[in-house]
Amino acid sequence: MNKKSHNGLGGQSDHQLIELSKNRRGRNGFSVWATWESERTSFGKTFRKLIKYPRFLPLFFSSDHYVDMLTSYRENEANPSYPLYLTWNKEKCSKLRNDYGVDAIHVRHPWISYRNRKFSVRNKEANGTLLFWPHSSEHLIVQLDMEKVKQVLSGIPERYKPISICISAHDVKLGLLPNIRTLNYPIYTVGNVQDQRFVDRFYTLVNNFRFSAGFFPGSHIYYLHEFGIPYLAFDYSVVTMSSHGSTAIADGVFDLLAKDYPEEHERKIFDDWYARMREFSDEVSEDQMTFALKQLGFDSDISDIELRKKVYKQLAKNFRSIPKMYFYTVLQIVRDKKG
């Protein structure tokens, strides 16, 4: 269906993309979920491996579900489901503790230790660019000016080619494939965010590419930089975002960056960081790597043993609730099967 790229990758078929985007209970791990924040995008898998936690027991803590420099809180962070909250953002950790009384702990992002063990070596034959398509969500509609996208991509230097595109499972389910297919580039997804193999698919995919790029910022940039993959930031003015049915944002077109960075000094940090990625570069610069490591919690001073103690303490406090959690999960599965 797709012509193979120079790196031997020809993209995924529509059938593969659709199948990987489905939420299947068997792919979501062995345990019921106490919170979604500490489980999605393989957080549950990588947290459990980090702290040597049984795969069949729920994690009774919440965590950040993204990577960013912003310290403005979100409702689920200021009022987590359980007292313990893990964050890789040091400033946010202080804010949650001091302003909202949350038992927040500054930790390293759980993906990093997992990557160091499972994906420690970069593919020396990697080439081409993986373009990350701005993703929508339940209450967020993302639209791109396709003519401007074509114009921008046509100006990429030869050393950045071939180009492939990575899209989110949510956008696959929204039916955006036919429109993105018109660009004539191979397309990939790393699957549904509830799939515990998400992290493995991510690093397996990006390791085949020499460069990365995109039209909008996101957690992927920090993961890519930490892995040593340069990121080319395109003008995000080609992206239009609109909200629908959200309790936090009024319906209609809005500026997500203005919402996420209400503080002037934070917006300046973001603008400077993003501007440095607008230039074609063959390497991740030292300052980009330092910045990525900071946002991923590399300056955390808590040991794995200390973290393990805190997490197991929460398990002990909530242990009696586990049978009921499994009972209601099984009941829901039976109801789903009945129709």
Protein backbone atom coordinates (compact mmCIF):
# COMPACT_ATOMS: atom_id res chain seq x y z
CA MET A 1 0.00 0.00 0.00
CA ASN A 2 2.83 2.40 0.81
CA LYS A 3 6.20 2.72 -0.86
CA LYS A 4 9.00 1.71 1.47
CA SER A 5 11.11 4.47 2.98
CA HIS A 6 14.90 4.51 2.58
CA ASN A 7 15.19 3.04 6.07
CA GLY A 8 13.25 -0.01 4.97
CA LEU A 9 10.04 1.00 6.71
CA GLY A 10 6.91 1.25 4.65
CA GLY A 11 4.42 2.38 7.26
CA GLN A 12 1.42 0.53 8.64
CA SER A 13 -1.68 -0.37 6.68
CA ASP A 14 -5.04 1.14 7.58
CA HIS A 15 -6.02 -2.21 9.08
CA GLN A 16 -2.90 -2.28 11.30
CA LEU A 17 -3.45 1.31 12.41
CA ILE A 18 -7.09 0.67 13.30
CA GLU A 19 -6.31 -2.55 15.20
CA LEU A 20 -3.51 -0.96 17.23
CA SER A 21 -5.77 1.97 18.09
CA LYS A 22 -8.47 -0.17 19.67
CA ASN A 23 -8.73 -0.40 23.45
CA ARG A 24 -8.56 -4.07 24.38
CA ARG A 25 -8.68 -5.12 28.04
CA GLY A 26 -6.08 -7.82 27.48
CA ARG A 27 -3.51 -5.21 26.53
CA ASN A 28 -4.03 -2.94 29.54
CA GLY A 29 -1.96 -4.90 32.03
CA PHE A 30 -2.67 -7.58 34.65
CA SER A 31 -4.13 -5.28 37.30
CA VAL A 32 -7.25 -3.21 37.70
CA TRP A 33 -6.54 0.51 37.61
CA ALA A 34 -6.89 2.67 40.71
CA THR A 35 -6.11 5.84 38.70
CA TRP A 36 -5.66 6.43 35.00
CA GLU A 37 -2.78 8.91 35.39
CA SER A 38 -0.31 6.37 36.78
CA GLU A 39 -1.29 3.65 34.29
CA ARG A 40 -1.74 5.09 30.78
CA THR A 41 1.04 5.24 28.15
CA SER A 42 2.81 2.34 29.91
CA PHE A 43 3.29 4.32 33.12
CA GLY A 44 1.80 1.41 35.05
CA LYS A 45 4.22 -1.03 33.45
CA THR A 46 7.31 1.15 33.92
CA PHE A 47 6.42 2.28 37.46
CA ARG A 48 5.96 -1.36 38.52
CA LYS A 49 9.31 -2.37 37.07
CA LEU A 50 11.03 0.63 38.66
CA ILE A 51 9.80 -0.07 42.19
CA LYS A 52 9.51 -3.89 41.90
CA TYR A 53 5.75 -3.86 42.35
CA PRO A 54 3.51 -6.87 41.56
CA ARG A 55 1.86 -6.68 38.15
CA PHE A 56 -1.53 -7.82 39.51
CA LEU A 57 -1.87 -5.13 42.22
CA PRO A 58 -3.28 -1.62 41.65
CA LEU A 59 -1.10 1.46 42.00
CA PHE A 60 -2.63 3.67 44.70
CA PHE A 61 -1.12 6.96 43.59
CA SER A 62 -1.58 9.54 40.87
CA SER A 63 1.12 11.09 38.70
CA ASP A 64 1.77 13.57 35.93
CA HIS A 65 0.48 12.20 32.63
CA TYR A 66 2.62 14.42 30.40
CA VAL A 67 6.04 16.09 30.37
CA ASP A 68 6.31 19.87 30.28
CA MET A 69 7.95 22.87 31.86
CA LEU A 70 4.65 24.43 32.91
CA THR A 71 3.88 24.59 36.62
CA SER A 72 0.26 25.71 36.43
CA TYR A 73 -1.78 22.97 38.08
CA ARG A 74 -4.69 21.00 36.66
CA GLU A 75 -7.72 19.96 38.67
CA ASN A 76 -6.82 16.27 38.83
CA GLU A 77 -3.35 17.23 40.10
CA ALA A 78 -4.50 19.55 42.88
CA ASN A 79 -7.16 17.02 43.93
CA PRO A 80 -5.70 13.56 43.17
CA SER A 81 -7.65 10.36 43.74
CA TYR A 82 -5.15 9.21 46.39
CA PRO A 83 -2.93 11.29 48.72
CA LEU A 84 0.36 10.30 47.05
CA TYR A 85 1.25 12.14 43.83
CA LEU A 86 4.40 11.60 41.76
CA THR A 87 5.71 14.35 39.50
CA TRP A 88 8.89 14.87 37.46
CA ASN A 89 8.43 18.65 37.56
CA LYS A 90 10.28 20.02 40.59
CA GLU A 91 8.53 23.40 40.59
CA LYS A 92 5.11 21.80 40.28
CA CYS A 93 5.97 19.46 43.14
CA SER A 94 6.60 22.45 45.42
CA LYS A 95 3.43 24.16 44.21
CA LEU A 96 1.24 21.12 44.88
CA ARG A 97 2.75 20.59 48.32
CA ASN A 98 2.74 24.21 49.48
CA ASP A 99 -0.41 25.58 47.83
CA TYR A 100 -2.72 22.55 47.80
CA GLY A 101 -1.46 20.25 50.54
CA VAL A 102 -0.84 17.35 48.17
CA ASP A 103 1.68 14.69 49.25
CA ALA A 104 3.68 15.28 46.07
CA ILE A 105 7.07 13.67 45.49
CA HIS A 106 9.61 14.71 42.88
CA VAL A 107 10.70 11.59 40.94
CA ARG A 108 12.36 10.61 37.71
CA HIS A 109 10.02 9.81 34.85
CA PRO A 110 9.45 6.00 34.88
CA TRP A 111 10.12 5.64 31.15
CA ILE A 112 13.77 6.61 31.52
CA SER A 113 15.03 3.71 33.59
CA TYR A 114 13.02 1.38 31.34
CA ARG A 115 14.57 2.87 28.20
CA ASN A 116 18.06 2.58 29.68
CA ARG A 117 17.51 -1.14 30.20
CA LYS A 118 15.54 -2.06 27.08
CA PHE A 119 16.61 0.53 24.47
CA SER A 120 20.07 1.59 25.54
CA VAL A 121 21.60 1.68 22.05
CA ARG A 122 20.63 3.96 19.18
CA ASN A 123 20.23 2.36 15.76
CA LYS A 124 23.35 3.34 13.79
CA GLU A 125 21.50 2.83 10.51
CA ALA A 126 18.61 5.12 11.48
CA ASN A 127 17.71 7.71 8.85
CA GLY A 128 14.88 9.92 7.73
CA THR A 129 12.45 11.96 9.81
CA LEU A 130 9.45 10.90 11.89
CA LEU A 131 6.86 13.68 11.92
CA PHE A 132 4.59 13.73 14.98
CA TRP A 133 1.07 14.79 14.01
CA PRO A 134 -0.61 17.09 16.60
CA HIS A 135 -3.11 14.90 18.42
CA SER A 136 -6.70 15.55 19.37
CA SER A 137 -8.43 14.35 22.54
CA GLU A 138 -11.93 13.73 23.83
CA HIS A 139 -12.73 17.45 24.08
CA LEU A 140 -10.10 18.85 21.72
CA ILE A 141 -10.42 19.06 17.94
CA VAL A 142 -7.16 19.66 16.05
CA GLN A 143 -7.12 20.82 12.44
CA LEU A 144 -4.16 21.56 10.17
CA ASP A 145 -3.96 23.67 7.03
CA MET A 146 -2.95 20.85 4.67
CA GLU A 147 -1.70 23.15 1.91
CA LYS A 148 0.66 24.87 4.36
CA VAL A 149 1.74 21.47 5.70
CA LYS A 150 2.67 20.35 2.17
CA GLN A 151 4.55 23.59 1.61
CA VAL A 152 6.55 23.23 4.83
CA LEU A 153 7.44 19.58 4.26
CA SER A 154 8.53 20.24 0.68
CA GLY A 155 11.25 22.54 2.06
CA ILE A 156 12.94 19.90 4.24
CA PRO A 157 16.61 19.29 3.27
CA GLU A 158 17.48 16.00 1.56
CA ARG A 159 19.37 14.69 4.60
CA TYR A 160 16.08 14.76 6.55
CA LYS A 161 14.31 12.53 4.04
CA PRO A 162 12.43 10.22 3.78
CA ILE A 163 9.56 11.50 5.91
CA SER A 164 7.14 9.31 7.84
CA ILE A 165 4.22 10.37 10.06
CA CYS A 166 3.25 9.18 13.54
CA ILE A 167 -0.38 9.76 14.52
CA SER A 168 -2.28 9.08 17.73
CA ALA A 169 -4.77 6.26 18.17
CA HIS A 170 -7.44 8.83 18.95
CA ASP A 171 -6.96 10.47 15.54
CA VAL A 172 -7.13 7.07 13.84
CA LYS A 173 -10.46 6.43 15.57
CA LEU A 174 -11.69 9.88 14.54
CA GLY A 175 -11.29 8.86 10.91
CA LEU A 176 -8.45 11.24 10.00
CA LEU A 177 -6.47 8.64 8.05
CA PRO A 178 -7.86 9.39 4.56
CA ASN A 179 -6.97 13.07 4.87
CA ILE A 180 -3.43 12.42 6.17
CA ARG A 181 -2.91 9.74 3.50
CA THR A 182 -3.20 12.48 0.86
CA LEU A 183 0.29 13.63 1.91
CA ASN A 184 1.67 10.36 0.52
CA TYR A 185 3.97 9.54 3.44
CA PRO A 186 4.16 6.27 5.41
CA ILE A 187 2.02 6.44 8.56
CA TYR A 188 2.54 4.80 11.96
CA THR A 189 0.90 4.73 15.35
CA VAL A 190 2.30 3.41 18.63
CA GLY A 191 -1.19 2.33 19.59
CA ASN A 192 -3.84 2.96 22.20
CA VAL A 193 -2.61 4.90 25.25
CA GLN A 194 -4.03 2.23 27.56
CA ASP A 195 -1.91 -0.49 25.98
CA GLN A 196 1.01 -1.35 28.28
CA ARG A 197 3.22 -1.99 25.24
CA PHE A 198 2.94 1.67 24.26
CA VAL A 199 6.44 2.53 25.52
CA ASP A 200 8.04 -0.39 23.66
CA ARG A 201 6.34 0.55 20.40
CA PHE A 202 7.41 4.17 20.84
CA TYR A 203 11.13 3.47 21.24
CA THR A 204 11.13 0.68 18.66
CA LEU A 205 9.61 3.08 16.12
CA VAL A 206 11.67 6.23 16.82
CA ASN A 207 14.91 4.23 16.90
CA ASN A 208 14.58 3.74 13.15
CA PHE A 209 14.74 7.49 12.47
CA ARG A 210 17.68 9.89 12.48
CA PHE A 211 15.49 12.96 12.99
CA SER A 212 12.06 13.92 14.29
CA ALA A 213 9.78 16.87 13.66
CA GLY A 214 6.34 18.29 14.33
CA PHE A 215 3.93 21.21 14.22
CA PHE A 216 3.13 21.36 17.93
CA PRO A 217 4.96 20.73 21.22
CA GLY A 218 4.33 17.70 23.40
CA SER A 219 5.87 15.11 25.73
CA HIS A 220 7.42 13.31 22.77
CA ILE A 221 10.02 16.07 22.32
CA TYR A 222 11.53 15.43 25.76
CA TYR A 223 11.58 11.66 25.21
CA LEU A 224 13.23 12.15 21.81
CA HIS A 225 15.88 14.55 23.06
CA GLU A 226 16.73 12.30 26.01
CA PHE A 227 17.18 9.46 23.48
CA GLY A 228 19.48 11.65 21.37
CA ILE A 229 17.10 12.34 18.48
CA PRO A 230 17.04 15.95 17.17
CA TYR A 231 13.61 17.56 16.80
CA LEU A 232 12.71 20.09 14.12
CA ALA A 233 9.90 22.41 15.26
CA PHE A 234 7.68 23.80 12.52
CA ASP A 235 5.50 26.90 12.81
CA TYR A 236 2.49 25.91 14.92
CA SER A 237 0.34 28.59 13.26
CA VAL A 238 -0.76 25.89 10.78
CA VAL A 239 -2.60 24.24 13.69
CA THR A 240 -6.09 25.28 14.82
CA MET A 241 -7.52 23.93 18.06
CA SER A 242 -11.10 24.07 19.24
CA SER A 243 -12.82 22.78 22.36
CA HIS A 244 -16.15 21.01 22.62
CA GLY A 245 -17.93 19.70 25.70
CA SER A 246 -15.11 20.51 28.11
CA THR A 247 -15.84 21.70 31.65
CA ALA A 248 -12.51 23.54 31.76
CA ILE A 249 -12.57 25.40 28.43
CA ALA A 250 -15.40 27.21 26.67
CA ASP A 251 -16.49 25.70 23.34
CA GLY A 252 -14.84 27.16 20.27
CA VAL A 253 -11.39 27.98 18.89
CA PHE A 254 -8.79 28.79 21.51
CA ASP A 255 -5.05 29.20 22.05
CA LEU A 256 -3.84 26.13 23.95
CA LEU A 257 -0.40 27.61 24.55
CA ALA A 258 -1.86 30.77 26.08
CA LYS A 259 -3.93 28.57 28.40
CA ASP A 260 -1.02 26.32 29.35
CA TYR A 261 1.44 29.17 29.88
CA PRO A 262 -0.51 31.94 31.62
CA GLU A 263 2.61 33.18 33.39
CA GLU A 264 4.70 35.52 31.23
CA HIS A 265 8.05 34.13 32.41
CA GLU A 266 6.97 30.56 31.61
CA ARG A 267 5.78 31.56 28.15
CA LYS A 268 9.15 33.19 27.49
CA ILE A 269 10.96 29.99 28.52
CA PHE A 270 8.71 28.03 26.18
CA ASP A 271 9.15 30.47 23.27
CA ASP A 272 12.95 30.44 23.62
CA TRP A 273 13.03 26.63 23.85
CA TYR A 274 10.76 26.18 20.82
CA ALA A 275 12.62 28.79 18.76
CA ARG A 276 15.92 26.92 19.16
CA MET A 277 14.31 23.86 17.55
CA ARG A 278 13.25 25.84 14.48
CA GLU A 279 16.76 25.49 13.07
CA PHE A 280 17.95 22.42 11.17
CA SER A 281 20.34 20.50 13.40
CA ASP A 282 22.08 17.14 13.18
CA GLU A 283 22.44 16.70 16.94
CA VAL A 284 20.62 17.37 20.19
CA SER A 285 22.47 20.34 21.66
CA GLU A 286 23.89 20.26 25.17
CA ASP A 287 21.39 22.85 26.43
CA GLN A 288 18.46 20.94 24.85
CA MET A 289 19.59 17.72 26.54
CA THR A 290 20.03 19.48 29.89
CA PHE A 291 16.57 21.01 29.61
CA ALA A 292 14.96 17.69 28.68
CA LEU A 293 16.60 15.88 31.59
CA LYS A 294 15.37 18.54 34.00
CA GLN A 295 11.77 18.18 32.81
CA LEU A 296 12.08 14.38 33.10
CA GLY A 297 13.08 14.66 36.75
CA PHE A 298 16.77 13.85 36.55
CA ASP A 299 17.38 16.27 39.42
CA SER A 300 15.18 14.17 41.75
CA ASP A 301 17.00 13.11 44.91
CA ILE A 302 14.65 10.33 46.04
CA SER A 303 16.07 6.80 45.77
CA ASP A 304 14.17 3.85 44.29
CA ILE A 305 14.10 2.27 47.76
CA GLU A 306 12.55 5.38 49.36
CA LEU A 307 9.98 5.60 46.58
CA ARG A 308 9.16 1.91 46.94
CA LYS A 309 8.49 2.37 50.66
CA LYS A 310 6.07 5.24 50.03
CA VAL A 311 4.19 3.34 47.33
CA TYR A 312 3.92 0.15 49.40
CA LYS A 313 2.67 2.22 52.32
CA GLN A 314 -0.25 3.35 50.15
CA LEU A 315 -0.83 -0.26 49.11
CA ALA A 316 -1.11 -1.30 52.76
CA LYS A 317 -3.61 1.49 53.45
CA ASN A 318 -5.82 0.51 50.53
CA PHE A 319 -5.32 -3.25 50.44
CA ARG A 320 -8.83 -4.08 51.65
CA SER A 321 -10.39 -2.25 48.70
CA ILE A 322 -8.71 -4.49 46.11
CA PRO A 323 -11.21 -7.41 46.12
CA LYS A 324 -14.07 -4.98 45.57
CA MET A 325 -12.17 -3.33 42.68
CA TYR A 326 -11.70 -6.69 40.98
CA PHE A 327 -15.32 -7.66 41.62
CA TYR A 328 -16.67 -4.54 39.91
CA THR A 329 -14.22 -4.95 37.03
CA VAL A 330 -15.35 -8.53 36.40
CA LEU A 331 -18.97 -7.41 36.67
CA GLN A 332 -18.35 -4.70 34.07
CA ILE A 333 -16.71 -7.24 31.73
CA VAL A 334 -19.74 -9.54 32.03
CA ARG A 335 -22.10 -6.64 31.32
CA ASP A 336 -20.05 -5.58 28.30
CA LYS A 337 -20.18 -9.10 26.86
CA LYS A 338 -23.94 -9.25 27.33
CA GLY A 339 -24.25 -6.18 25.31
